[in-house]
């Protein structure tokens, strides 16, 4: 009995994928541009301190310096810092007059 069987086992080679510019075309290009813009905007808009810090213990004189009164169809706005009284018509939303009250 002659049992000669030729068996050849080949080792499959892994697919070699190099950098062929696949990350610079189409959808990848848009993704990279968006990431760069977000990264740049993050560092441009980053602030180390608060926008308007109010020191503790020092009262701010402008907190209660504006007072608004509504009477019928007019709004009266008094500003203690500037010493002006503004009269606004609520039907037309127009400034009717500005009067000094000091």
PDB file of N, CA and C in Angstrom:
ATOM      1  N   UNK A   1       0.822  -1.157   0.000  1.00  0.00           N
ATOM      2  CA  UNK A   1       0.000   0.000   0.000  1.00  0.00           C
ATOM      3  C   UNK A   1       0.874   1.230   0.000  1.00  0.00           C
ATOM      4  N   UNK A   2       0.546   1.942  -0.913  1.00  0.00           N
ATOM      5  CA  UNK A   2       1.321   3.162  -1.088  1.00  0.00           C
ATOM      6  C   UNK A   2       0.429   4.355  -0.760  1.00  0.00           C
ATOM      7  N   UNK A   3       0.697   5.038   0.357  1.00  0.00           N
ATOM      8  CA  UNK A   3      -0.112   6.187   0.781  1.00  0.00           C
ATOM      9  C   UNK A   3       0.740   7.452   0.745  1.00  0.00           C
ATOM     10  N   UNK A   4       1.059   7.856  -0.405  1.00  0.00           N
ATOM     11  CA  UNK A   4       1.808   9.108  -0.557  1.00  0.00           C
ATOM     12  C   UNK A   4       0.814  10.240  -0.790  1.00  0.00           C
ATOM     13  N   UNK A   5       0.708  11.075   0.184  1.00  0.00           N
ATOM     14  CA  UNK A   5      -0.187  12.230   0.068  1.00  0.00           C
ATOM     15  C   UNK A   5       0.676  13.478   0.230  1.00  0.00           C
ATOM     16  N   UNK A   6       0.618  14.309  -0.746  1.00  0.00           N
ATOM     17  CA  UNK A   6       1.375  15.565  -0.694  1.00  0.00           C
ATOM     18  C   UNK A   6       0.497  16.640  -0.043  1.00  0.00           C
ATOM     19  N   UNK A   7       0.907  17.079   1.105  1.00  0.00           N
ATOM     20  CA  UNK A   7       0.183  18.141   1.808  1.00  0.00           C
ATOM     21  C   UNK A   7       1.117  19.337   1.889  1.00  0.00           C
ATOM     22  N   UNK A   8       0.647  20.429   1.352  1.00  0.00           N
ATOM     23  CA  UNK A   8       1.451  21.653   1.444  1.00  0.00           C
ATOM     24  C   UNK A   8       0.634  22.699   2.214  1.00  0.00           C
ATOM     25  N   UNK A   9       1.209  23.163   3.273  1.00  0.00           N
ATOM     26  CA  UNK A   9       0.557  24.179   4.104  1.00  0.00           C
ATOM     27  C   UNK A   9       1.312  25.480   3.884  1.00  0.00           C
ATOM     28  N   UNK A  10       0.602  26.429   3.400  1.00  0.00           N
ATOM     29  CA  UNK A  10       1.230  27.734   3.173  1.00  0.00           C
ATOM     30  C   UNK A  10       0.835  28.666   4.312  1.00  0.00           C
ATOM     31  N   UNK A  11       1.775  29.432   4.712  1.00  0.00           N
ATOM     32  CA  UNK A  11       1.541  30.398   5.778  1.00  0.00           C
ATOM     33  C   UNK A  11       1.018  31.675   5.131  1.00  0.00           C
ATOM     34  N   UNK A  12      -0.234  32.033   5.377  1.00  0.00           N
ATOM     35  CA  UNK A  12      -0.757  33.239   4.734  1.00  0.00           C
ATOM     36  C   UNK A  12      -0.062  34.487   5.293  1.00  0.00           C
ATOM     37  N   UNK A  13       0.325  35.339   4.409  1.00  0.00           N
ATOM     38  CA  UNK A  13       1.002  36.572   4.804  1.00  0.00           C
ATOM     39  C   UNK A  13      -0.046  37.597   5.242  1.00  0.00           C
ATOM     40  N   UNK A  14       0.210  38.287   6.341  1.00  0.00           N
ATOM     41  CA  UNK A  14      -0.742  39.325   6.763  1.00  0.00           C
ATOM     42  C   UNK A  14      -0.725  40.476   5.770  1.00  0.00           C
ATOM     43  N   UNK A  15      -1.875  41.086   5.651  1.00  0.00           N
ATOM     44  CA  UNK A  15      -2.008  42.189   4.709  1.00  0.00           C
ATOM     45  C   UNK A  15      -1.244  43.397   5.244  1.00  0.00           C
ATOM     46  N   UNK A  16      -0.373  43.911   4.439  1.00  0.00           N
ATOM     47  CA  UNK A  16       0.422  45.060   4.861  1.00  0.00           C
ATOM     48  C   UNK A  16      -0.310  46.327   4.461  1.00  0.00           C
ATOM     49  N   UNK A  17      -0.579  47.147   5.491  1.00  0.00           N
ATOM     50  CA  UNK A  17      -1.251  48.414   5.226  1.00  0.00           C
ATOM     51  C   UNK A  17      -0.328  49.528   5.686  1.00  0.00           C
ATOM     52  N   UNK A  18       0.142  50.260   4.785  1.00  0.00           N
ATOM     53  CA  UNK A  18       1.007  51.378   5.116  1.00  0.00           C
ATOM     54  C   UNK A  18       0.226  52.676   5.086  1.00  0.00           C
ATOM     55  N   UNK A  19       0.892  53.761   5.406  1.00  0.00           N
ATOM     56  CA  UNK A  19       0.270  55.079   5.361  1.00  0.00           C
ATOM     57  C   UNK A  19       0.270  55.539   3.915  1.00  0.00           C
ATOM     58  N   UNK A  20      -0.868  55.429   3.289  1.00  0.00           N
ATOM     59  CA  UNK A  20      -0.974  55.785   1.876  1.00  0.00           C
ATOM     60  C   UNK A  20      -1.829  57.029   1.685  1.00  0.00           C
ATOM     61  N   UNK A  21      -1.952  57.849   2.708  1.00  0.00           N
ATOM     62  CA  UNK A  21      -2.760  59.050   2.592  1.00  0.00           C
ATOM     63  C   UNK A  21      -4.233  58.797   2.825  1.00  0.00           C
ATOM     64  N   UNK A  22      -4.572  57.661   3.421  1.00  0.00           N
ATOM     65  CA  UNK A  22      -5.969  57.334   3.662  1.00  0.00           C
ATOM     66  C   UNK A  22      -6.591  58.261   4.705  1.00  0.00           C
ATOM     67  N   UNK A  23      -5.777  58.852   5.543  1.00  0.00           N
ATOM     68  CA  UNK A  23      -6.292  59.706   6.601  1.00  0.00           C
ATOM     69  C   UNK A  23      -6.346  61.174   6.181  1.00  0.00           C
ATOM     70  N   UNK A  24      -6.097  61.460   4.944  1.00  0.00           N
ATOM     71  CA  UNK A  24      -6.132  62.846   4.480  1.00  0.00           C
ATOM     72  C   UNK A  24      -7.146  63.045   3.369  1.00  0.00           C
ATOM     73  N   UNK A  25      -8.068  62.133   3.201  1.00  0.00           N
ATOM     74  CA  UNK A  25      -9.057  62.262   2.135  1.00  0.00           C
ATOM     75  C   UNK A  25     -10.453  62.052   2.691  1.00  0.00           C
ATOM     76  N   UNK A  26     -11.409  62.671   2.051  1.00  0.00           N
ATOM     77  CA  UNK A  26     -12.819  62.439   2.336  1.00  0.00           C
ATOM     78  C   UNK A  26     -13.229  62.742   3.759  1.00  0.00           C
ATOM     79  N   UNK A  27     -13.841  61.763   4.383  1.00  0.00           N
ATOM     80  CA  UNK A  27     -14.387  61.920   5.729  1.00  0.00           C
ATOM     81  C   UNK A  27     -13.295  62.170   6.754  1.00  0.00           C
ATOM     82  N   UNK A  28     -12.159  61.514   6.595  1.00  0.00           N
ATOM     83  CA  UNK A  28     -11.061  61.709   7.548  1.00  0.00           C
ATOM     84  C   UNK A  28     -10.551  63.143   7.523  1.00  0.00           C
ATOM     85  N   UNK A  29     -10.532  63.756   6.348  1.00  0.00           N
ATOM     86  CA  UNK A  29     -10.080  65.143   6.244  1.00  0.00           C
ATOM     87  C   UNK A  29     -11.012  66.063   7.027  1.00  0.00           C
ATOM     88  N   UNK A  30     -12.308  65.852   6.898  1.00  0.00           N
ATOM     89  CA  UNK A  30     -13.281  66.673   7.631  1.00  0.00           C
ATOM     90  C   UNK A  30     -13.127  66.469   9.137  1.00  0.00           C
ATOM     91  N   UNK A  31     -12.942  65.227   9.554  1.00  0.00           N
ATOM     92  CA  UNK A  31     -12.778  64.941  10.985  1.00  0.00           C
ATOM     93  C   UNK A  31     -11.528  65.619  11.536  1.00  0.00           C
ATOM     94  N   UNK A  32     -10.421  65.556  10.803  1.00  0.00           N
ATOM     95  CA  UNK A  32      -9.182  66.195  11.268  1.00  0.00           C
ATOM     96  C   UNK A  32      -9.335  67.710  11.347  1.00  0.00           C
ATOM     97  N   UNK A  33     -10.001  68.314  10.365  1.00  0.00           N
ATOM     98  CA  UNK A  33     -10.189  69.771  10.381  1.00  0.00           C
ATOM     99  C   UNK A  33     -11.042  70.183  11.572  1.00  0.00           C
ATOM    100  N   UNK A  34     -12.124  69.448  11.834  1.00  0.00           N
ATOM    101  CA  UNK A  34     -12.988  69.769  12.976  1.00  0.00           C
ATOM    102  C   UNK A  34     -12.224  69.625  14.285  1.00  0.00           C
ATOM    103  N   UNK A  35     -11.426  68.579  14.418  1.00  0.00           N
ATOM    104  CA  UNK A  35     -10.644  68.396  15.646  1.00  0.00           C
ATOM    105  C   UNK A  35      -9.638  69.522  15.852  1.00  0.00           C
ATOM    106  N   UNK A  36      -8.992  69.958  14.794  1.00  0.00           N
ATOM    107  CA  UNK A  36      -8.018  71.051  14.909  1.00  0.00           C
ATOM    108  C   UNK A  36      -8.716  72.343  15.303  1.00  0.00           C
ATOM    109  N   UNK A  37      -9.877  72.627  14.698  1.00  0.00           N
ATOM    110  CA  UNK A  37     -10.610  73.847  15.031  1.00  0.00           C
ATOM    111  C   UNK A  37     -11.066  73.820  16.485  1.00  0.00           C
ATOM    112  N   UNK A  38     -11.592  72.698  16.941  1.00  0.00           N
ATOM    113  CA  UNK A  38     -12.026  72.586  18.338  1.00  0.00           C
ATOM    114  C   UNK A  38     -10.844  72.753  19.285  1.00  0.00           C
ATOM    115  N   UNK A  39      -9.723  72.160  18.956  1.00  0.00           N
ATOM    116  CA  UNK A  39      -8.527  72.258  19.789  1.00  0.00           C
ATOM    117  C   UNK A  39      -8.044  73.707  19.883  1.00  0.00           C
ATOM    118  N   UNK A  40      -7.991  74.410  18.757  1.00  0.00           N
ATOM    119  CA  UNK A  40      -7.538  75.806  18.749  1.00  0.00           C
ATOM    120  C   UNK A  40      -8.523  76.687  19.511  1.00  0.00           C
ATOM    121  N   UNK A  41      -9.824  76.512  19.278  1.00  0.00           N
ATOM    122  CA  UNK A  41     -10.810  77.329  19.982  1.00  0.00           C
ATOM    123  C   UNK A  41     -10.803  77.079  21.484  1.00  0.00           C
ATOM    124  N   UNK A  42     -10.502  75.867  21.895  1.00  0.00           N
ATOM    125  CA  UNK A  42     -10.425  75.564  23.322  1.00  0.00           C
ATOM    126  C   UNK A  42      -9.349  76.403  23.992  1.00  0.00           C
ATOM    127  N   UNK A  43      -8.188  76.520  23.362  1.00  0.00           N
ATOM    128  CA  UNK A  43      -7.105  77.276  23.980  1.00  0.00           C
ATOM    129  C   UNK A  43      -7.268  78.780  23.807  1.00  0.00           C
ATOM    130  N   UNK A  44      -7.968  79.217  22.784  1.00  0.00           N
ATOM    131  CA  UNK A  44      -8.197  80.653  22.612  1.00  0.00           C
ATOM    132  C   UNK A  44      -9.200  81.157  23.642  1.00  0.00           C
ATOM    133  N   UNK A  45     -10.273  80.405  23.861  1.00  0.00           N
ATOM    134  CA  UNK A  45     -11.335  80.878  24.747  1.00  0.00           C
ATOM    135  C   UNK A  45     -11.117  80.520  26.203  1.00  0.00           C
ATOM    136  N   UNK A  46     -10.078  79.794  26.517  1.00  0.00           N
ATOM    137  CA  UNK A  46      -9.830  79.409  27.912  1.00  0.00           C
ATOM    138  C   UNK A  46      -9.403  80.626  28.723  1.00  0.00           C
ATOM    139  N   UNK A  47     -10.046  80.817  29.876  1.00  0.00           N
ATOM    140  CA  UNK A  47      -9.716  81.935  30.749  1.00  0.00           C
ATOM    141  C   UNK A  47      -9.342  81.382  32.112  1.00  0.00           C
ATOM    142  N   UNK A  48      -8.345  82.005  32.717  1.00  0.00           N
ATOM    143  CA  UNK A  48      -7.882  81.528  34.012  1.00  0.00           C
ATOM    144  C   UNK A  48      -8.652  82.134  35.178  1.00  0.00           C
ATOM    145  N   UNK A  49      -9.296  83.280  34.981  1.00  0.00           N
ATOM    146  CA  UNK A  49     -10.021  83.946  36.058  1.00  0.00           C
ATOM    147  C   UNK A  49     -11.461  84.167  35.630  1.00  0.00           C
ATOM    148  N   UNK A  50     -12.311  84.454  36.605  1.00  0.00           N
ATOM    149  CA  UNK A  50     -13.704  84.734  36.310  1.00  0.00           C
ATOM    150  C   UNK A  50     -13.846  86.038  35.546  1.00  0.00           C
ATOM    151  N   UNK A  51     -14.962  86.207  34.892  1.00  0.00           N
ATOM    152  CA  UNK A  51     -15.166  87.386  34.064  1.00  0.00           C
ATOM    153  C   UNK A  51     -15.333  88.646  34.909  1.00  0.00           C
ATOM    154  N   UNK A  52     -16.179  88.573  35.931  1.00  0.00           N
ATOM    155  CA  UNK A  52     -16.435  89.738  36.756  1.00  0.00           C
ATOM    156  C   UNK A  52     -16.348  89.352  38.229  1.00  0.00           C
ATOM    157  N   UNK A  53     -15.148  89.258  38.776  1.00  0.00           N
ATOM    158  CA  UNK A  53     -15.051  88.892  40.191  1.00  0.00           C
ATOM    159  C   UNK A  53     -15.475  90.061  41.079  1.00  0.00           C
ATOM    160  N   UNK A  54     -16.291  89.770  42.074  1.00  0.00           N
ATOM    161  CA  UNK A  54     -16.709  90.777  43.047  1.00  0.00           C
ATOM    162  C   UNK A  54     -15.998  90.467  44.355  1.00  0.00           C
ATOM    163  N   UNK A  55     -15.186  91.391  44.863  1.00  0.00           N
ATOM    164  CA  UNK A  55     -14.483  91.120  46.113  1.00  0.00           C
ATOM    165  C   UNK A  55     -15.461  90.988  47.280  1.00  0.00           C
ATOM    166  N   UNK A  56     -15.160  90.072  48.166  1.00  0.00           N
ATOM    167  CA  UNK A  56     -16.018  89.831  49.326  1.00  0.00           C
ATOM    168  C   UNK A  56     -15.824  90.967  50.330  1.00  0.00           C
ATOM    169  N   UNK A  57     -16.916  91.482  50.839  1.00  0.00           N
ATOM    170  CA  UNK A  57     -16.859  92.531  51.841  1.00  0.00           C
ATOM    171  C   UNK A  57     -16.942  93.928  51.266  1.00  0.00           C
ATOM    172  N   UNK A  58     -16.695  94.106  49.990  1.00  0.00           N
ATOM    173  CA  UNK A  58     -16.800  95.421  49.377  1.00  0.00           C
ATOM    174  C   UNK A  58     -18.143  95.513  48.660  1.00  0.00           C
ATOM    175  N   UNK A  59     -19.060  96.324  49.142  1.00  0.00           N
ATOM    176  CA  UNK A  59     -20.376  96.425  48.496  1.00  0.00           C
ATOM    177  C   UNK A  59     -20.260  97.095  47.132  1.00  0.00           C
ATOM    178  N   UNK A  60     -21.024  96.601  46.205  1.00  0.00           N
ATOM    179  CA  UNK A  60     -21.036  97.165  44.859  1.00  0.00           C
ATOM    180  C   UNK A  60     -22.138  98.221  44.798  1.00  0.00           C
ATOM    181  N   UNK A  61     -21.803  99.483  44.550  1.00  0.00           N
ATOM    182  CA  UNK A  61     -22.815 100.540  44.581  1.00  0.00           C
ATOM    183  C   UNK A  61     -23.800 100.468  43.424  1.00  0.00           C
ATOM    184  N   UNK A  62     -23.481  99.759  42.356  1.00  0.00           N
ATOM    185  CA  UNK A  62     -24.369  99.747  41.198  1.00  0.00           C
ATOM    186  C   UNK A  62     -25.365  98.597  41.215  1.00  0.00           C
ATOM    187  N   UNK A  63     -25.404  97.819  42.288  1.00  0.00           N
ATOM    188  CA  UNK A  63     -26.319  96.682  42.312  1.00  0.00           C
ATOM    189  C   UNK A  63     -27.770  97.156  42.348  1.00  0.00           C
ATOM    190  N   UNK A  64     -28.099  98.107  43.207  1.00  0.00           N
ATOM    191  CA  UNK A  64     -29.478  98.576  43.344  1.00  0.00           C
ATOM    192  C   UNK A  64     -29.645  99.999  42.835  1.00  0.00           C
ATOM    193  N   UNK A  65     -28.865 100.429  41.889  1.00  0.00           N
ATOM    194  CA  UNK A  65     -28.922 101.816  41.455  1.00  0.00           C
ATOM    195  C   UNK A  65     -29.940 102.050  40.351  1.00  0.00           C
ATOM    196  N   UNK A  66     -30.490 100.998  39.743  1.00  0.00           N
ATOM    197  CA  UNK A  66     -31.495 101.150  38.695  1.00  0.00           C
ATOM    198  C   UNK A  66     -32.817 100.629  39.226  1.00  0.00           C
ATOM    199  N   UNK A  67     -33.865 101.444  39.063  1.00  0.00           N
ATOM    200  CA  UNK A  67     -35.184 101.064  39.547  1.00  0.00           C
ATOM    201  C   UNK A  67     -36.173 101.200  38.398  1.00  0.00           C
ATOM    202  N   UNK A  68     -37.073 100.226  38.267  1.00  0.00           N
ATOM    203  CA  UNK A  68     -38.061 100.222  37.191  1.00  0.00           C
ATOM    204  C   UNK A  68     -39.459 100.255  37.787  1.00  0.00           C
ATOM    205  N   UNK A  69     -40.294 101.143  37.249  1.00  0.00           N
ATOM    206  CA  UNK A  69     -41.684 101.264  37.699  1.00  0.00           C
ATOM    207  C   UNK A  69     -42.579 101.223  36.463  1.00  0.00           C
ATOM    208  N   UNK A  70     -43.640 100.404  36.518  1.00  0.00           N
ATOM    209  CA  UNK A  70     -44.601 100.315  35.419  1.00  0.00           C
ATOM    210  C   UNK A  70     -45.882 100.996  35.868  1.00  0.00           C
ATOM    211  N   UNK A  71     -46.342 101.965  35.070  1.00  0.00           N
ATOM    212  CA  UNK A  71     -47.571 102.692  35.372  1.00  0.00           C
ATOM    213  C   UNK A  71     -48.382 102.792  34.086  1.00  0.00           C
ATOM    214  N   UNK A  72     -49.518 102.088  34.033  1.00  0.00           N
ATOM    215  CA  UNK A  72     -50.415 102.020  32.874  1.00  0.00           C
ATOM    216  C   UNK A  72     -49.643 101.578  31.634  1.00  0.00           C
ATOM    217  N   UNK A  73     -49.434 102.446  30.678  1.00  0.00           N
ATOM    218  CA  UNK A  73     -48.770 102.042  29.435  1.00  0.00           C
ATOM    219  C   UNK A  73     -47.362 102.626  29.323  1.00  0.00           C
ATOM    220  N   UNK A  74     -46.772 102.976  30.434  1.00  0.00           N
ATOM    221  CA  UNK A  74     -45.422 103.536  30.411  1.00  0.00           C
ATOM    222  C   UNK A  74     -44.530 102.817  31.426  1.00  0.00           C
ATOM    223  N   UNK A  75     -43.251 102.735  31.094  1.00  0.00           N
ATOM    224  CA  UNK A  75     -42.244 102.196  32.005  1.00  0.00           C
ATOM    225  C   UNK A  75     -41.317 103.347  32.376  1.00  0.00           C
ATOM    226  N   UNK A  76     -41.127 103.538  33.669  1.00  0.00           N
ATOM    227  CA  UNK A  76     -40.235 104.581  34.164  1.00  0.00           C
ATOM    228  C   UNK A  76     -38.988 103.901  34.726  1.00  0.00           C
ATOM    229  N   UNK A  77     -37.838 104.260  34.195  1.00  0.00           N
ATOM    230  CA  UNK A  77     -36.569 103.681  34.637  1.00  0.00           C
ATOM    231  C   UNK A  77     -35.723 104.803  35.216  1.00  0.00           C
ATOM    232  N   UNK A  78     -35.379 104.661  36.488  1.00  0.00           N
ATOM    233  CA  UNK A  78     -34.507 105.646  37.127  1.00  0.00           C
ATOM    234  C   UNK A  78     -33.136 105.020  37.336  1.00  0.00           C
ATOM    235  N   UNK A  79     -32.113 105.769  36.982  1.00  0.00           N
ATOM    236  CA  UNK A  79     -30.738 105.308  37.124  1.00  0.00           C
ATOM    237  C   UNK A  79     -30.020 106.268  38.064  1.00  0.00           C
ATOM    238  N   UNK A  80     -29.689 105.797  39.255  1.00  0.00           N
ATOM    239  CA  UNK A  80     -29.046 106.651  40.254  1.00  0.00           C
ATOM    240  C   UNK A  80     -27.610 106.989  39.883  1.00  0.00           C
ATOM    241  N   UNK A  81     -26.960 106.155  39.093  1.00  0.00           N
ATOM    242  CA  UNK A  81     -25.575 106.446  38.704  1.00  0.00           C
ATOM    243  C   UNK A  81     -25.491 107.634  37.756  1.00  0.00           C
ATOM    244  N   UNK A  82     -26.428 107.717  36.816  1.00  0.00           N
ATOM    245  CA  UNK A  82     -26.383 108.807  35.836  1.00  0.00           C
ATOM    246  C   UNK A  82     -27.307 109.951  36.199  1.00  0.00           C
ATOM    247  N   UNK A  83     -28.274 109.715  37.105  1.00  0.00           N
ATOM    248  CA  UNK A  83     -29.212 110.764  37.491  1.00  0.00           C
ATOM    249  C   UNK A  83     -30.259 111.021  36.427  1.00  0.00           C
ATOM    250  N   UNK A  84     -30.643 109.998  35.676  1.00  0.00           N
ATOM    251  CA  UNK A  84     -31.607 110.170  34.595  1.00  0.00           C
ATOM    252  C   UNK A  84     -32.859 109.345  34.840  1.00  0.00           C
ATOM    253  N   UNK A  85     -33.992 109.874  34.355  1.00  0.00           N
ATOM    254  CA  UNK A  85     -35.263 109.169  34.362  1.00  0.00           C
ATOM    255  C   UNK A  85     -35.650 108.936  32.908  1.00  0.00           C
ATOM    256  N   UNK A  86     -35.804 107.669  32.518  1.00  0.00           N
ATOM    257  CA  UNK A  86     -36.176 107.324  31.145  1.00  0.00           C
ATOM    258  C   UNK A  86     -37.622 106.867  31.139  1.00  0.00           C
ATOM    259  N   UNK A  87     -38.397 107.370  30.163  1.00  0.00           N
ATOM    260  CA  UNK A  87     -39.802 107.000  30.034  1.00  0.00           C
ATOM    261  C   UNK A  87     -39.967 106.250  28.717  1.00  0.00           C
ATOM    262  N   UNK A  88     -40.505 105.012  28.806  1.00  0.00           N
ATOM    263  CA  UNK A  88     -40.663 104.153  27.630  1.00  0.00           C
ATOM    264  C   UNK A  88     -42.136 103.830  27.464  1.00  0.00           C
ATOM    265  N   UNK A  89     -42.649 103.974  26.237  1.00  0.00           N
ATOM    266  CA  UNK A  89     -44.030 103.622  25.922  1.00  0.00           C
ATOM    267  C   UNK A  89     -44.100 102.119  25.669  1.00  0.00           C
ATOM    268  N   UNK A  90     -44.969 101.402  26.412  1.00  0.00           N
ATOM    269  CA  UNK A  90     -45.027  99.945  26.280  1.00  0.00           C
ATOM    270  C   UNK A  90     -45.799  99.493  25.048  1.00  0.00           C
ATOM    271  N   UNK A  91     -46.634 100.350  24.486  1.00  0.00           N
ATOM    272  CA  UNK A  91     -47.389  99.960  23.290  1.00  0.00           C
ATOM    273  C   UNK A  91     -46.502  99.956  22.053  1.00  0.00           C
ATOM    274  N   UNK A  92     -45.602 100.914  21.968  1.00  0.00           N
ATOM    275  CA  UNK A  92     -44.739 101.024  20.786  1.00  0.00           C
ATOM    276  C   UNK A  92     -43.296 100.617  21.076  1.00  0.00           C
ATOM    277  N   UNK A  93     -42.960 100.371  22.346  1.00  0.00           N
ATOM    278  CA  UNK A  93     -41.591 100.035  22.761  1.00  0.00           C
ATOM    279  C   UNK A  93     -40.581 101.095  22.323  1.00  0.00           C
ATOM    280  N   UNK A  94     -41.002 102.345  22.405  1.00  0.00           N
ATOM    281  CA  UNK A  94     -40.118 103.450  22.029  1.00  0.00           C
ATOM    282  C   UNK A  94     -39.797 104.294  23.256  1.00  0.00           C
ATOM    283  N   UNK A  95     -38.600 104.839  23.244  1.00  0.00           N
ATOM    284  CA  UNK A  95     -38.171 105.740  24.305  1.00  0.00           C
ATOM    285  C   UNK A  95     -38.817 107.100  24.066  1.00  0.00           C
ATOM    286  N   UNK A  96     -39.645 107.536  25.015  1.00  0.00           N
ATOM    287  CA  UNK A  96     -40.361 108.797  24.849  1.00  0.00           C
ATOM    288  C   UNK A  96     -39.526 109.990  25.296  1.00  0.00           C
ATOM    289  N   UNK A  97     -38.895 109.890  26.461  1.00  0.00           N
ATOM    290  CA  UNK A  97     -38.091 111.021  26.920  1.00  0.00           C
ATOM    291  C   UNK A  97     -37.106 110.571  27.983  1.00  0.00           C
ATOM    292  N   UNK A  98     -36.062 111.388  28.134  1.00  0.00           N
ATOM    293  CA  UNK A  98     -35.059 111.189  29.174  1.00  0.00           C
ATOM    294  C   UNK A  98     -34.970 112.497  29.948  1.00  0.00           C
ATOM    295  N   UNK A  99     -35.198 112.428  31.256  1.00  0.00           N
ATOM    296  CA  UNK A  99     -35.206 113.622  32.090  1.00  0.00           C
ATOM    297  C   UNK A  99     -34.197 113.483  33.219  1.00  0.00           C
ATOM    298  N   UNK A 100     -33.468 114.561  33.529  1.00  0.00           N
ATOM    299  CA  UNK A 100     -32.590 114.518  34.707  1.00  0.00           C
ATOM    300  C   UNK A 100     -33.434 114.706  35.970  1.00  0.00           C
ATOM    301  N   UNK A 101     -33.106 113.999  37.048  1.00  0.00           N
ATOM    302  CA  UNK A 101     -33.864 114.165  38.286  1.00  0.00           C
ATOM    303  C   UNK A 101     -33.012 114.665  39.436  1.00  0.00           C
ATOM    304  N   UNK A 102     -31.806 115.082  39.204  1.00  0.00           N
ATOM    305  CA  UNK A 102     -30.958 115.615  40.271  1.00  0.00           C
ATOM    306  C   UNK A 102     -30.997 117.108  40.276  1.00  0.00           C
TER     307      UNK A 102
END
